[in-house]
N, C-alpha and C. Protein backbone atom coordinates (compact mmCIF):
# COMPACT_ATOMS: atom_id res chain seq x y z
N UNK A 1 123.04 -115.77 -90.67
CA UNK A 1 122.77 -114.42 -91.10
C UNK A 1 121.54 -114.44 -91.98
N UNK A 2 120.82 -113.37 -92.00
CA UNK A 2 119.56 -113.30 -92.72
C UNK A 2 119.78 -113.34 -94.23
N UNK A 3 118.67 -113.38 -94.98
CA UNK A 3 118.75 -113.40 -96.42
C UNK A 3 119.09 -112.06 -97.02
N UNK A 4 119.10 -111.00 -96.22
CA UNK A 4 119.46 -109.67 -96.71
C UNK A 4 120.93 -109.65 -97.10
N UNK A 5 121.29 -108.79 -98.02
CA UNK A 5 122.71 -108.69 -98.40
C UNK A 5 123.57 -108.33 -97.19
N UNK A 6 124.70 -108.97 -97.10
CA UNK A 6 125.63 -108.68 -96.02
C UNK A 6 126.34 -107.37 -96.28
N UNK A 7 126.57 -106.63 -95.23
CA UNK A 7 127.43 -105.47 -95.34
C UNK A 7 128.85 -105.96 -95.12
N UNK A 8 129.79 -105.30 -95.77
CA UNK A 8 131.19 -105.68 -95.66
C UNK A 8 132.03 -104.48 -95.29
N UNK A 9 132.94 -104.70 -94.36
CA UNK A 9 133.92 -103.69 -93.98
C UNK A 9 135.29 -104.32 -94.17
N UNK A 10 136.16 -103.64 -94.92
CA UNK A 10 137.50 -104.16 -95.18
C UNK A 10 138.51 -103.17 -94.62
N UNK A 11 139.38 -103.66 -93.76
CA UNK A 11 140.43 -102.85 -93.14
C UNK A 11 141.77 -103.40 -93.60
N UNK A 12 142.67 -102.51 -93.98
CA UNK A 12 143.96 -102.88 -94.54
C UNK A 12 145.08 -102.16 -93.80
N UNK A 13 146.16 -102.88 -93.55
CA UNK A 13 147.34 -102.25 -92.98
C UNK A 13 148.59 -102.83 -93.63
N UNK A 14 149.54 -101.98 -93.86
CA UNK A 14 150.85 -102.42 -94.35
C UNK A 14 151.61 -102.98 -93.15
N UNK A 15 152.32 -104.09 -93.36
CA UNK A 15 153.12 -104.70 -92.30
C UNK A 15 154.55 -104.20 -92.35
N UNK A 16 155.17 -104.11 -91.19
CA UNK A 16 156.60 -103.82 -91.15
C UNK A 16 157.35 -104.96 -91.82
N UNK A 17 158.55 -104.67 -92.29
CA UNK A 17 159.32 -105.63 -93.08
C UNK A 17 159.55 -106.96 -92.37
N UNK A 18 159.71 -106.96 -91.06
CA UNK A 18 160.02 -108.19 -90.33
C UNK A 18 158.81 -108.77 -89.59
N UNK A 19 157.60 -108.38 -89.96
CA UNK A 19 156.42 -108.72 -89.16
C UNK A 19 155.60 -109.89 -89.69
N UNK A 20 155.94 -110.44 -90.83
CA UNK A 20 155.09 -111.46 -91.45
C UNK A 20 154.88 -112.68 -90.55
N UNK A 21 155.93 -113.24 -90.02
CA UNK A 21 155.79 -114.46 -89.19
C UNK A 21 154.95 -114.19 -87.96
N UNK A 22 155.18 -113.05 -87.31
CA UNK A 22 154.38 -112.71 -86.14
C UNK A 22 152.92 -112.49 -86.53
N UNK A 23 152.68 -111.90 -87.68
CA UNK A 23 151.32 -111.69 -88.16
C UNK A 23 150.63 -113.03 -88.41
N UNK A 24 151.36 -114.00 -88.93
CA UNK A 24 150.79 -115.35 -89.12
C UNK A 24 150.38 -115.95 -87.79
N UNK A 25 151.22 -115.78 -86.78
CA UNK A 25 150.90 -116.28 -85.44
C UNK A 25 149.66 -115.60 -84.88
N UNK A 26 149.59 -114.29 -85.02
CA UNK A 26 148.43 -113.54 -84.52
C UNK A 26 147.15 -113.97 -85.24
N UNK A 27 147.23 -114.13 -86.54
CA UNK A 27 146.05 -114.53 -87.31
C UNK A 27 145.58 -115.92 -86.91
N UNK A 28 146.51 -116.83 -86.68
CA UNK A 28 146.15 -118.20 -86.29
C UNK A 28 145.53 -118.25 -84.89
N UNK A 29 145.96 -117.34 -84.02
CA UNK A 29 145.48 -117.34 -82.64
C UNK A 29 144.29 -116.42 -82.43
N UNK A 30 143.89 -115.70 -83.46
CA UNK A 30 142.84 -114.68 -83.33
C UNK A 30 141.52 -115.33 -82.92
N UNK A 31 140.94 -114.88 -81.80
CA UNK A 31 139.62 -115.39 -81.41
C UNK A 31 138.54 -114.86 -82.34
N UNK A 32 137.38 -115.44 -82.27
CA UNK A 32 136.27 -115.04 -83.14
C UNK A 32 135.85 -113.61 -82.90
N UNK A 33 136.07 -113.09 -81.72
CA UNK A 33 135.68 -111.71 -81.41
C UNK A 33 134.31 -111.66 -80.78
N UNK A 34 134.10 -110.66 -79.95
CA UNK A 34 132.83 -110.49 -79.27
C UNK A 34 132.11 -109.30 -79.87
N UNK A 35 131.11 -109.58 -80.66
CA UNK A 35 130.31 -108.53 -81.27
C UNK A 35 128.92 -108.49 -80.64
N UNK A 36 128.80 -108.98 -79.42
CA UNK A 36 127.52 -108.95 -78.73
C UNK A 36 126.51 -109.83 -79.44
N UNK A 37 125.32 -109.28 -79.67
CA UNK A 37 124.24 -110.03 -80.31
C UNK A 37 124.36 -110.05 -81.83
N UNK A 38 125.24 -109.24 -82.38
CA UNK A 38 125.36 -109.15 -83.83
C UNK A 38 125.90 -110.44 -84.42
N UNK A 39 125.42 -110.77 -85.60
CA UNK A 39 125.95 -111.93 -86.31
C UNK A 39 127.00 -111.42 -87.29
N UNK A 40 128.24 -111.71 -86.96
CA UNK A 40 129.38 -111.16 -87.70
C UNK A 40 130.30 -112.31 -88.12
N UNK A 41 130.82 -112.19 -89.32
CA UNK A 41 131.84 -113.11 -89.79
C UNK A 41 133.09 -112.29 -90.06
N UNK A 42 134.23 -112.75 -89.56
CA UNK A 42 135.48 -112.02 -89.71
C UNK A 42 136.51 -112.95 -90.35
N UNK A 43 137.21 -112.42 -91.34
CA UNK A 43 138.29 -113.17 -92.01
C UNK A 43 139.53 -112.30 -92.00
N UNK A 44 140.69 -112.96 -91.98
CA UNK A 44 141.97 -112.26 -92.06
C UNK A 44 142.72 -112.81 -93.26
N UNK A 45 143.18 -111.90 -94.11
CA UNK A 45 144.01 -112.25 -95.27
C UNK A 45 145.39 -111.66 -95.03
N UNK A 46 146.40 -112.40 -95.39
CA UNK A 46 147.77 -111.99 -95.08
C UNK A 46 148.67 -112.18 -96.28
N UNK A 47 149.45 -111.16 -96.59
CA UNK A 47 150.51 -111.28 -97.59
C UNK A 47 151.80 -110.92 -96.87
N UNK A 48 152.95 -111.11 -97.49
CA UNK A 48 154.19 -110.73 -96.81
C UNK A 48 154.27 -109.25 -96.44
N UNK A 49 153.46 -108.41 -97.08
CA UNK A 49 153.56 -106.98 -96.82
C UNK A 49 152.30 -106.32 -96.27
N UNK A 50 151.17 -107.04 -96.23
CA UNK A 50 149.91 -106.44 -95.79
C UNK A 50 149.05 -107.44 -95.05
N UNK A 51 148.17 -106.90 -94.22
CA UNK A 51 147.12 -107.69 -93.59
C UNK A 51 145.79 -107.02 -93.94
N UNK A 52 144.80 -107.87 -94.24
CA UNK A 52 143.48 -107.39 -94.60
C UNK A 52 142.47 -108.08 -93.68
N UNK A 53 141.67 -107.28 -93.01
CA UNK A 53 140.60 -107.79 -92.15
C UNK A 53 139.29 -107.55 -92.89
N UNK A 54 138.51 -108.60 -93.11
CA UNK A 54 137.22 -108.48 -93.76
C UNK A 54 136.17 -108.84 -92.71
N UNK A 55 135.26 -107.92 -92.46
CA UNK A 55 134.20 -108.12 -91.48
C UNK A 55 132.88 -108.04 -92.24
N UNK A 56 132.07 -109.09 -92.13
CA UNK A 56 130.80 -109.15 -92.84
C UNK A 56 129.68 -109.40 -91.84
N UNK A 57 128.53 -108.79 -92.08
CA UNK A 57 127.39 -109.04 -91.21
C UNK A 57 126.31 -108.01 -91.39
N UNK A 58 125.34 -108.08 -90.48
CA UNK A 58 124.24 -107.12 -90.47
C UNK A 58 124.70 -105.85 -89.79
N UNK A 59 124.52 -104.71 -90.45
CA UNK A 59 124.87 -103.41 -89.90
C UNK A 59 126.31 -103.40 -89.38
N UNK A 60 127.21 -103.94 -90.19
CA UNK A 60 128.60 -104.14 -89.76
C UNK A 60 129.33 -102.83 -89.48
N UNK A 61 128.99 -101.78 -90.17
CA UNK A 61 129.65 -100.49 -89.91
C UNK A 61 129.40 -100.02 -88.49
N UNK A 62 128.15 -100.05 -88.07
CA UNK A 62 127.81 -99.62 -86.71
C UNK A 62 128.40 -100.57 -85.68
N UNK A 63 128.35 -101.86 -85.96
CA UNK A 63 128.90 -102.85 -85.02
C UNK A 63 130.41 -102.66 -84.86
N UNK A 64 131.10 -102.41 -85.95
CA UNK A 64 132.56 -102.23 -85.88
C UNK A 64 132.90 -100.95 -85.12
N UNK A 65 132.16 -99.87 -85.33
CA UNK A 65 132.41 -98.64 -84.58
C UNK A 65 132.25 -98.87 -83.08
N UNK A 66 131.19 -99.58 -82.70
CA UNK A 66 131.00 -99.90 -81.29
C UNK A 66 132.15 -100.74 -80.75
N UNK A 67 132.59 -101.70 -81.55
CA UNK A 67 133.70 -102.58 -81.15
C UNK A 67 134.97 -101.77 -80.95
N UNK A 68 135.29 -100.89 -81.89
CA UNK A 68 136.52 -100.08 -81.78
C UNK A 68 136.44 -99.11 -80.62
N UNK A 69 135.25 -98.63 -80.29
CA UNK A 69 135.09 -97.68 -79.20
C UNK A 69 135.09 -98.33 -77.83
N UNK A 70 134.94 -99.64 -77.77
CA UNK A 70 134.90 -100.36 -76.50
C UNK A 70 136.32 -100.79 -76.13
N UNK A 71 136.88 -100.26 -75.02
CA UNK A 71 138.28 -100.58 -74.67
C UNK A 71 138.54 -102.06 -74.43
N UNK A 72 137.54 -102.80 -73.97
CA UNK A 72 137.74 -104.23 -73.71
C UNK A 72 137.74 -105.01 -75.02
N UNK A 73 136.71 -104.79 -75.86
CA UNK A 73 136.61 -105.56 -77.10
C UNK A 73 137.67 -105.16 -78.12
N UNK A 74 138.10 -103.91 -78.12
CA UNK A 74 139.09 -103.48 -79.11
C UNK A 74 140.51 -103.88 -78.73
N UNK A 75 140.71 -104.42 -77.54
CA UNK A 75 142.05 -104.82 -77.10
C UNK A 75 142.65 -105.89 -78.00
N UNK A 76 141.80 -106.69 -78.64
CA UNK A 76 142.32 -107.73 -79.54
C UNK A 76 143.15 -107.14 -80.67
N UNK A 77 142.81 -105.95 -81.11
CA UNK A 77 143.56 -105.30 -82.18
C UNK A 77 144.90 -104.77 -81.69
N UNK A 78 145.02 -104.49 -80.42
CA UNK A 78 146.25 -103.88 -79.90
C UNK A 78 147.48 -104.76 -80.13
N UNK A 79 147.32 -106.07 -80.16
CA UNK A 79 148.47 -106.94 -80.41
C UNK A 79 148.99 -106.81 -81.84
N UNK A 80 148.15 -106.33 -82.75
CA UNK A 80 148.55 -106.13 -84.13
C UNK A 80 149.29 -104.81 -84.34
N UNK A 81 148.95 -103.79 -83.57
CA UNK A 81 149.43 -102.43 -83.83
C UNK A 81 150.94 -102.28 -83.95
N UNK A 82 151.76 -102.93 -83.11
CA UNK A 82 153.21 -102.76 -83.26
C UNK A 82 153.77 -103.30 -84.58
N UNK A 83 152.99 -104.09 -85.29
CA UNK A 83 153.46 -104.72 -86.53
C UNK A 83 153.01 -103.98 -87.79
N UNK A 84 152.22 -102.93 -87.60
CA UNK A 84 151.76 -102.13 -88.74
C UNK A 84 152.80 -101.08 -89.10
N UNK A 85 153.01 -100.91 -90.39
CA UNK A 85 153.89 -99.87 -90.91
C UNK A 85 152.99 -98.77 -91.48
N UNK A 86 152.35 -98.03 -90.60
CA UNK A 86 151.40 -97.01 -90.99
C UNK A 86 150.04 -97.34 -90.40
N UNK A 87 149.05 -96.52 -90.73
CA UNK A 87 147.73 -96.69 -90.11
C UNK A 87 146.91 -97.83 -90.71
N UNK A 88 146.01 -98.34 -89.92
CA UNK A 88 144.97 -99.25 -90.39
C UNK A 88 143.94 -98.37 -91.08
N UNK A 89 143.54 -98.74 -92.29
CA UNK A 89 142.59 -97.90 -93.02
C UNK A 89 141.51 -98.74 -93.69
N UNK A 90 140.42 -98.09 -94.01
CA UNK A 90 139.28 -98.74 -94.65
C UNK A 90 139.50 -98.77 -96.15
N UNK A 91 139.21 -99.92 -96.76
CA UNK A 91 139.19 -100.05 -98.22
C UNK A 91 137.72 -100.13 -98.62
N UNK A 92 137.29 -99.23 -99.48
CA UNK A 92 135.88 -99.15 -99.88
C UNK A 92 135.62 -100.07 -101.08
N UNK A 93 134.48 -100.71 -101.05
CA UNK A 93 134.06 -101.57 -102.17
C UNK A 93 133.59 -100.64 -103.30
N UNK A 94 134.18 -100.78 -104.48
CA UNK A 94 133.82 -99.91 -105.59
C UNK A 94 133.26 -100.67 -106.78
N UNK A 95 133.27 -101.97 -106.70
CA UNK A 95 132.70 -102.75 -107.79
C UNK A 95 132.46 -104.16 -107.34
N UNK A 96 131.38 -104.76 -107.85
CA UNK A 96 131.03 -106.13 -107.53
C UNK A 96 130.69 -106.83 -108.84
N UNK A 97 131.25 -107.98 -109.05
CA UNK A 97 130.93 -108.76 -110.24
C UNK A 97 130.14 -109.99 -109.83
N UNK A 98 129.30 -110.45 -110.74
CA UNK A 98 128.50 -111.62 -110.48
C UNK A 98 128.51 -112.50 -111.71
N UNK A 99 128.77 -113.77 -111.50
CA UNK A 99 128.78 -114.73 -112.60
C UNK A 99 127.39 -115.33 -112.76
N UNK A 100 126.96 -115.43 -113.99
CA UNK A 100 125.65 -116.04 -114.26
C UNK A 100 125.84 -117.21 -115.20
N UNK A 101 125.08 -118.28 -114.97
CA UNK A 101 125.21 -119.47 -115.85
C UNK A 101 124.72 -119.22 -117.25
């Protein structure tokens, strides 16, 4: 990725009460994803009650919209949907801290 600051998109969903083990399996098996020519880094964070998808890269907002709108590329998310207890939603970055020596 270039020296420009990365854009970050964070998506959060509450998990159903019995979904944690299946969510662990899905996260472990999750492919890197096809974002075309875009350079994207994707991470999944999991707690017993929530899953957090962090997508970082160049112009990540536009790339994610294209990904969600593409029926083939967005199919990877469909395996997660039955395990969500409510909608997948965006968490906005509202503060950034930086440590200096």
